[in-house]
Amino acid sequence: MMAMPAVTVGRKLVHVPHKAYAHALGPDKHVFLVGDLKQPTSYPFIAEPRLELAMCAYEAGDDGRPHWHAGVTEYEFVITGRIGYRDIAADAVIWAGAGDFLLVPAGVCAQRLVPERSATVAVKVPSSPEKTHCDACPRDCRYRVAGVAGARPHEN
């Protein structure tokens, strides 16, 4: 993959045409268009530390691993399909369909659930790679996840 440079932002309008990132849609579940990105991308993006903006394309079963962000809030707008989020501590799931909007506050351990092909636009504030999964979690939590199999009661 040839790494693309970040698009510089100044006092001008910026346009990133669809053809510049269309090849990444599908192979990449998340196509980051804006953010303080550290990994190389095969498409241009706007360098911005204040937030991340990603287009997300999921197939049924593309469930995420339970995780939480200490200082990052996630917003997600469902374009097509259906997305669920399991609040691990509350052991509750909320579902959202096309046109619905979701919020995962900083500190909430959540798992994305994808029952069908879906597309979303996600925003993380601020842009940060920090993320804590169960295997590195310092919390005394009654749930732990074994691999990606799902939540199970934690042995005390």
Protein backbone atom coordinates (compact mmCIF):
# COMPACT_ATOMS: atom_id res chain seq x y z
CA MET A 1 0.00 0.00 0.00
CA MET A 2 1.31 3.39 -0.93
CA ALA A 3 0.77 5.82 1.95
CA MET A 4 -1.04 8.99 1.02
CA PRO A 5 -0.07 12.30 2.57
CA ALA A 6 -2.56 14.13 4.75
CA VAL A 7 -4.51 16.91 3.09
CA THR A 8 -3.36 20.22 4.49
CA VAL A 9 -5.98 22.58 5.79
CA GLY A 10 -5.56 26.30 5.64
CA ARG A 11 -7.87 29.16 4.93
CA LYS A 12 -9.47 27.49 1.93
CA LEU A 13 -12.18 24.99 1.14
CA VAL A 14 -11.03 21.38 0.84
CA HIS A 15 -12.58 18.80 -1.49
CA VAL A 16 -11.68 15.10 -1.37
CA PRO A 17 -13.48 13.37 -4.25
CA HIS A 18 -15.15 10.00 -3.76
CA LYS A 19 -12.78 8.34 -6.25
CA ALA A 20 -9.84 9.17 -3.94
CA TYR A 21 -11.04 6.74 -1.25
CA ALA A 22 -13.67 4.54 -2.99
CA HIS A 23 -11.18 1.68 -3.46
CA ALA A 24 -10.84 1.37 0.33
CA LEU A 25 -14.58 1.03 0.97
CA GLY A 26 -15.29 -2.64 1.53
CA PRO A 27 -11.76 -3.94 2.09
CA ASP A 28 -11.40 -1.48 4.99
CA LYS A 29 -14.26 -1.55 7.50
CA HIS A 30 -13.40 2.01 8.52
CA VAL A 31 -12.29 4.64 6.02
CA PHE A 32 -11.00 7.57 8.07
CA LEU A 33 -11.52 10.85 6.25
CA VAL A 34 -10.52 13.16 9.11
CA GLY A 35 -8.32 12.59 12.16
CA ASP A 36 -4.95 12.63 13.85
CA LEU A 37 -4.08 9.40 12.05
CA LYS A 38 -0.79 7.62 12.74
CA GLN A 39 -1.21 4.61 10.42
CA PRO A 40 -0.60 5.04 6.69
CA THR A 41 -3.67 5.03 4.47
CA SER A 42 -4.09 4.29 0.77
CA TYR A 43 -6.32 7.35 0.43
CA PRO A 44 -6.03 11.03 1.37
CA PHE A 45 -7.41 12.26 4.69
CA ILE A 46 -7.64 15.60 6.46
CA ALA A 47 -5.22 15.81 9.39
CA GLU A 48 -7.14 17.02 12.44
CA PRO A 49 -6.47 16.28 16.13
CA ARG A 50 -9.87 17.51 17.38
CA LEU A 51 -11.94 14.66 15.90
CA GLU A 52 -12.03 11.58 13.69
CA LEU A 53 -14.60 11.11 10.95
CA ALA A 54 -14.94 7.66 9.41
CA MET A 55 -17.20 5.97 6.91
CA CYS A 56 -17.90 2.43 8.09
CA ALA A 57 -19.07 -0.52 6.00
CA TYR A 58 -19.96 -3.73 7.81
CA GLU A 59 -21.08 -7.19 6.80
CA ALA A 60 -23.31 -9.29 9.05
CA GLY A 61 -21.18 -10.62 11.92
CA ASP A 62 -18.61 -7.78 11.87
CA ASP A 63 -19.14 -7.38 15.59
CA GLY A 64 -16.50 -5.43 17.45
CA ARG A 65 -14.59 -6.42 20.55
CA PRO A 66 -15.83 -4.91 23.81
CA HIS A 67 -13.77 -1.82 24.58
CA TRP A 68 -13.89 1.61 26.14
CA HIS A 69 -12.15 4.94 25.69
CA ALA A 70 -11.10 6.91 28.76
CA GLY A 71 -11.33 10.31 27.08
CA VAL A 72 -13.07 9.75 23.74
CA THR A 73 -16.78 10.04 22.96
CA GLU A 74 -18.10 8.21 19.89
CA TYR A 75 -21.06 9.29 17.76
CA GLU A 76 -22.47 7.11 14.99
CA PHE A 77 -25.13 7.80 12.37
CA VAL A 78 -26.64 4.71 10.70
CA ILE A 79 -27.03 5.17 6.95
CA THR A 80 -28.23 1.67 6.00
CA GLY A 81 -28.84 -1.57 7.86
CA ARG A 82 -28.91 -2.00 11.61
CA ILE A 83 -26.25 -1.62 14.31
CA GLY A 84 -26.44 -2.55 17.97
CA TYR A 85 -24.27 -1.59 20.92
CA ARG A 86 -24.03 -3.74 24.02
CA ASP A 87 -23.30 -1.81 27.21
CA ILE A 88 -21.10 -4.44 28.89
CA ALA A 89 -21.54 -3.20 32.49
CA ALA A 90 -25.34 -2.85 32.18
CA ASP A 91 -25.66 -6.02 30.06
CA ALA A 92 -28.10 -4.12 27.84
CA VAL A 93 -28.24 -3.69 24.05
CA ILE A 94 -29.60 -0.75 22.09
CA TRP A 95 -30.40 -1.08 18.39
CA ALA A 96 -30.37 1.59 15.72
CA GLY A 97 -31.56 1.46 12.12
CA ALA A 98 -31.17 3.70 9.09
CA GLY A 99 -31.53 7.34 10.11
CA ASP A 100 -30.87 6.68 13.80
CA PHE A 101 -28.08 8.27 15.80
CA LEU A 102 -26.00 6.62 18.56
CA LEU A 103 -23.75 7.96 21.29
CA VAL A 104 -21.15 5.96 23.24
CA PRO A 105 -19.86 8.19 26.06
CA ALA A 106 -16.25 8.15 27.20
CA GLY A 107 -15.72 5.45 29.83
CA VAL A 108 -18.60 3.19 28.73
CA CYS A 109 -17.46 -0.30 27.77
CA ALA A 110 -19.40 -1.23 24.64
CA GLN A 111 -19.43 -3.85 21.90
CA ARG A 112 -20.70 -3.15 18.37
CA LEU A 113 -23.15 -5.76 17.02
CA VAL A 114 -23.83 -6.08 13.29
CA PRO A 115 -26.71 -8.42 12.39
CA GLU A 116 -26.86 -7.40 8.70
CA ARG A 117 -24.92 -5.46 6.07
CA SER A 118 -24.78 -1.88 7.36
CA ALA A 119 -23.15 1.46 6.69
CA THR A 120 -22.54 4.26 9.16
CA VAL A 121 -20.69 7.52 9.60
CA ALA A 122 -18.79 7.66 12.88
CA VAL A 123 -17.21 10.59 14.72
CA LYS A 124 -14.77 10.28 17.63
CA VAL A 125 -14.01 13.32 19.77
CA PRO A 126 -11.12 13.89 20.15
CA SER A 127 -9.11 11.93 17.60
CA SER A 128 -7.16 9.39 19.62
CA PRO A 129 -5.98 5.81 19.18
CA GLU A 130 -6.43 5.05 22.90
CA LYS A 131 -8.71 2.09 23.48
CA THR A 132 -8.92 -0.47 26.28
CA HIS A 133 -10.01 -4.07 25.56
CA CYS A 134 -10.87 -6.66 28.22
CA ASP A 135 -7.45 -8.33 28.14
CA ALA A 136 -5.79 -5.06 29.25
CA CYS A 137 -8.61 -3.59 31.33
CA PRO A 138 -7.72 -2.49 34.89
CA ARG A 139 -11.36 -2.31 35.99
CA ASP A 140 -12.86 -4.72 38.49
CA CYS A 141 -15.62 -5.81 36.13
CA ARG A 142 -18.08 -8.66 36.55
CA TYR A 143 -17.82 -9.36 32.82
CA ARG A 144 -14.86 -10.41 30.76
CA VAL A 145 -14.69 -11.45 27.16
CA ALA A 146 -12.97 -14.61 26.04
CA GLY A 147 -11.63 -13.75 22.59
CA VAL A 148 -14.57 -12.46 20.58
CA ALA A 149 -17.03 -15.11 21.79
CA GLY A 150 -19.01 -12.65 23.94
CA ALA A 151 -19.43 -11.54 27.51
CA ARG A 152 -19.29 -14.03 30.35
CA PRO A 153 -19.30 -13.56 34.12
CA HIS A 154 -15.80 -12.84 35.41
CA GLU A 155 -14.42 -15.28 37.98
CA ASN A 156 -13.54 -13.39 41.20
